[in-house]
Amino acid sequence: MEIKLRIHTWPEKILRTKCKDVKEVDDNIRNFLDQMYRLMRVADGIGLAANQAGLDLNLIVVQHQDQVYKLINPKIIKRKGKITFLEGCLSFPALEIEVKRANKVRVAALNEKREAVDIEAEGILAVVLQHEIDHISGIVFIDRIPFWKRIKIKSQLKKIKKQTHDKVQKIKTDE
């Protein structure tokens, strides 16, 4: 099943969707994961959650160094330590903000072969996994910063909102 995926940007409603668990790992799910991976690479990202691509499914893809993770129903089962990291997000073009997260995480998920995987991650990989798992929980990275920081980026958020509105209107016109 080929669905045309695109990066959904702030404040599209799908970004606030708590995604549905995947009940069965089949060719459709593997196809979605492959499409998400291609979309992430074309957009020059290192992580992408299904709702960012318009899918209401608990799926994420992450690339760290040469390792690609295509994860189904990922859950963080352990967090340890603290790290502050300058994060960007494909759904918030040109916005980078410092976010505090756990420095180490343990993630349980299924891979595209229906196999249980247990990932112990540290540093940037831990940050990216937390960021993407937040997405499928309907949480965006601006939710993780203090209110005063949100006020400081208000003009950037307005600009992204206008770009999103213009893009969505163009898509509707082209249909």
Protein backbone atom coordinates (compact mmCIF):
# COMPACT_ATOMS: atom_id res chain seq x y z
CA MET A 1 0.00 0.00 0.00
CA GLU A 2 1.74 3.17 -1.21
CA ILE A 3 0.65 6.31 0.60
CA LYS A 4 2.35 9.59 -0.26
CA LEU A 5 4.08 10.61 2.96
CA ARG A 6 5.29 14.11 3.75
CA ILE A 7 6.78 15.83 6.77
CA HIS A 8 4.00 17.39 8.82
CA THR A 9 5.00 20.65 10.48
CA TRP A 10 3.94 22.67 13.48
CA PRO A 11 1.08 23.11 14.39
CA GLU A 12 -0.59 20.34 12.35
CA LYS A 13 -2.91 18.31 14.59
CA ILE A 14 -1.32 14.93 13.81
CA LEU A 15 1.77 16.05 15.78
CA ARG A 16 -0.36 16.02 18.95
CA THR A 17 -1.70 12.52 18.23
CA LYS A 18 -0.90 9.75 20.69
CA CYS A 19 -0.31 7.07 18.08
CA LYS A 20 -1.92 3.65 18.01
CA ASP A 21 0.04 0.49 18.80
CA VAL A 22 0.79 -1.72 15.82
CA LYS A 23 -1.07 -5.02 16.27
CA GLU A 24 0.56 -6.96 13.46
CA VAL A 25 3.91 -6.50 11.75
CA ASP A 26 3.15 -7.15 8.09
CA ASP A 27 4.32 -5.94 4.67
CA ASN A 28 2.30 -2.71 5.04
CA ILE A 29 4.14 -1.84 8.26
CA ARG A 30 7.52 -2.72 6.72
CA ASN A 31 6.61 -0.57 3.71
CA PHE A 32 5.69 2.37 5.98
CA LEU A 33 9.01 2.00 7.81
CA ASP A 34 10.91 1.99 4.50
CA GLN A 35 9.01 5.06 3.26
CA MET A 36 9.61 6.85 6.56
CA TYR A 37 13.32 6.07 6.35
CA ARG A 38 13.53 7.45 2.79
CA LEU A 39 11.56 10.56 3.79
CA MET A 40 13.85 11.11 6.79
CA ARG A 41 16.98 10.81 4.62
CA VAL A 42 15.63 13.14 1.90
CA ALA A 43 14.81 15.68 4.65
CA ASP A 44 18.35 15.23 6.04
CA GLY A 45 17.07 14.03 9.41
CA ILE A 46 18.39 11.44 11.85
CA GLY A 47 15.01 10.42 13.27
CA LEU A 48 11.37 10.41 12.23
CA ALA A 49 8.18 9.38 13.99
CA ALA A 50 5.17 8.04 12.10
CA ASN A 51 2.88 10.94 13.02
CA GLN A 52 5.45 13.37 11.62
CA ALA A 53 4.90 11.53 8.33
CA GLY A 54 1.11 11.58 8.71
CA LEU A 55 0.64 8.05 10.08
CA ASP A 56 -1.23 7.31 13.31
CA LEU A 57 1.02 4.36 14.22
CA ASN A 58 3.64 3.65 16.88
CA LEU A 59 6.59 3.57 14.48
CA ILE A 60 9.91 5.40 14.51
CA VAL A 61 13.02 5.31 12.38
CA VAL A 62 16.42 6.49 13.59
CA GLN A 63 19.84 6.50 12.02
CA HIS A 64 22.90 6.81 14.23
CA GLN A 65 26.26 6.50 12.51
CA ASP A 66 25.87 3.41 10.25
CA GLN A 67 23.10 1.81 12.33
CA VAL A 68 19.46 2.13 11.21
CA TYR A 69 16.70 1.43 13.71
CA LYS A 70 13.19 0.74 12.42
CA LEU A 71 11.19 0.35 15.61
CA ILE A 72 7.62 -0.76 16.20
CA ASN A 73 5.81 0.10 19.45
CA PRO A 74 8.98 1.44 21.13
CA LYS A 75 8.84 2.11 24.85
CA ILE A 76 11.44 3.63 27.15
CA ILE A 77 11.83 1.21 30.03
CA LYS A 78 14.73 2.86 31.84
CA ARG A 79 16.24 6.36 32.05
CA LYS A 80 19.45 7.41 33.74
CA GLY A 81 21.47 10.59 34.09
CA LYS A 82 20.89 14.00 32.53
CA ILE A 83 22.09 15.69 29.37
CA THR A 84 21.28 19.04 27.77
CA PHE A 85 21.39 18.83 24.02
CA LEU A 86 20.72 21.29 21.20
CA GLU A 87 17.86 19.61 19.33
CA GLY A 88 16.29 20.26 15.97
CA CYS A 89 13.15 18.71 14.52
CA LEU A 90 11.95 18.12 10.97
CA SER A 91 8.49 19.29 12.08
CA PHE A 92 9.94 22.63 13.28
CA PRO A 93 12.11 23.78 10.34
CA ALA A 94 15.13 25.91 11.28
CA LEU A 95 14.35 25.80 15.03
CA GLU A 96 17.00 24.51 17.41
CA ILE A 97 16.56 24.56 21.18
CA GLU A 98 18.38 23.13 24.15
CA VAL A 99 16.39 20.34 25.79
CA LYS A 100 17.18 18.43 28.99
CA ARG A 101 16.76 14.67 28.72
CA ALA A 102 18.10 11.45 30.17
CA ASN A 103 21.67 10.71 29.09
CA LYS A 104 21.05 6.94 28.99
CA VAL A 105 17.92 5.04 28.04
CA ARG A 106 16.86 1.50 27.53
CA VAL A 107 14.23 1.01 24.82
CA ALA A 108 12.16 -2.10 24.16
CA ALA A 109 10.50 -2.51 20.75
CA LEU A 110 9.93 -4.84 17.84
CA ASN A 111 11.94 -4.62 14.64
CA GLU A 112 10.55 -5.10 11.11
CA LYS A 113 11.14 -8.86 11.41
CA ARG A 114 8.79 -9.04 14.44
CA GLU A 115 11.80 -9.66 16.71
CA ALA A 116 11.96 -8.11 20.18
CA VAL A 117 14.84 -5.67 20.44
CA ASP A 118 16.35 -4.14 23.55
CA ILE A 119 18.44 -1.04 22.88
CA GLU A 120 20.72 0.54 25.45
CA ALA A 121 21.60 4.00 24.23
CA GLU A 122 23.69 6.87 25.51
CA GLY A 123 24.31 10.44 24.42
CA ILE A 124 22.94 11.53 21.04
CA LEU A 125 21.29 8.17 20.29
CA ALA A 126 19.49 8.31 23.65
CA VAL A 127 18.36 11.87 22.89
CA VAL A 128 17.06 10.98 19.41
CA LEU A 129 15.18 7.92 20.71
CA GLN A 130 13.54 10.01 23.44
CA HIS A 131 12.66 12.75 20.94
CA GLU A 132 11.00 10.31 18.50
CA ILE A 133 9.21 8.30 21.21
CA ASP A 134 7.88 11.62 22.55
CA HIS A 135 6.48 12.33 19.07
CA ILE A 136 4.43 9.12 18.93
CA SER A 137 3.13 10.03 22.39
CA GLY A 138 1.87 13.37 21.02
CA ILE A 139 4.67 15.33 22.73
CA VAL A 140 6.83 17.78 20.78
CA PHE A 141 10.21 19.07 21.90
CA ILE A 142 8.92 22.56 22.75
CA ASP A 143 6.84 20.85 25.45
CA ARG A 144 10.12 19.90 27.15
CA ILE A 145 11.38 23.46 27.63
CA PRO A 146 10.48 26.02 30.30
CA PHE A 147 7.74 28.55 29.58
CA TRP A 148 10.21 31.46 29.45
CA LYS A 149 12.15 29.69 26.68
CA ARG A 150 8.92 29.21 24.73
CA ILE A 151 8.27 32.94 24.94
CA LYS A 152 11.78 33.58 23.51
CA ILE A 153 11.02 31.41 20.44
CA LYS A 154 7.46 32.71 19.91
CA SER A 155 8.36 34.63 16.72
CA GLN A 156 10.08 31.53 15.24
CA LEU A 157 7.00 29.43 16.05
CA LYS A 158 4.75 32.02 14.37
CA LYS A 159 6.93 31.88 11.25
CA ILE A 160 6.78 28.05 11.17
CA LYS A 161 3.00 28.19 11.69
CA LYS A 162 2.61 30.55 8.70
CA GLN A 163 4.85 28.35 6.51
CA THR A 164 2.79 25.30 7.52
CA HIS A 165 -0.47 27.10 6.75
CA ASP A 166 0.82 28.15 3.32
CA LYS A 167 2.10 24.63 2.57
CA VAL A 168 -1.18 22.95 3.62
CA GLN A 169 -3.20 25.43 1.53
CA LYS A 170 -1.03 24.66 -1.50
CA ILE A 171 -1.52 20.90 -0.97
CA LYS A 172 -5.30 21.39 -0.77
CA THR A 173 -5.23 23.51 -3.96
CA ASP A 174 -3.16 20.89 -5.81
CA GLU A 175 -5.53 18.02 -4.93
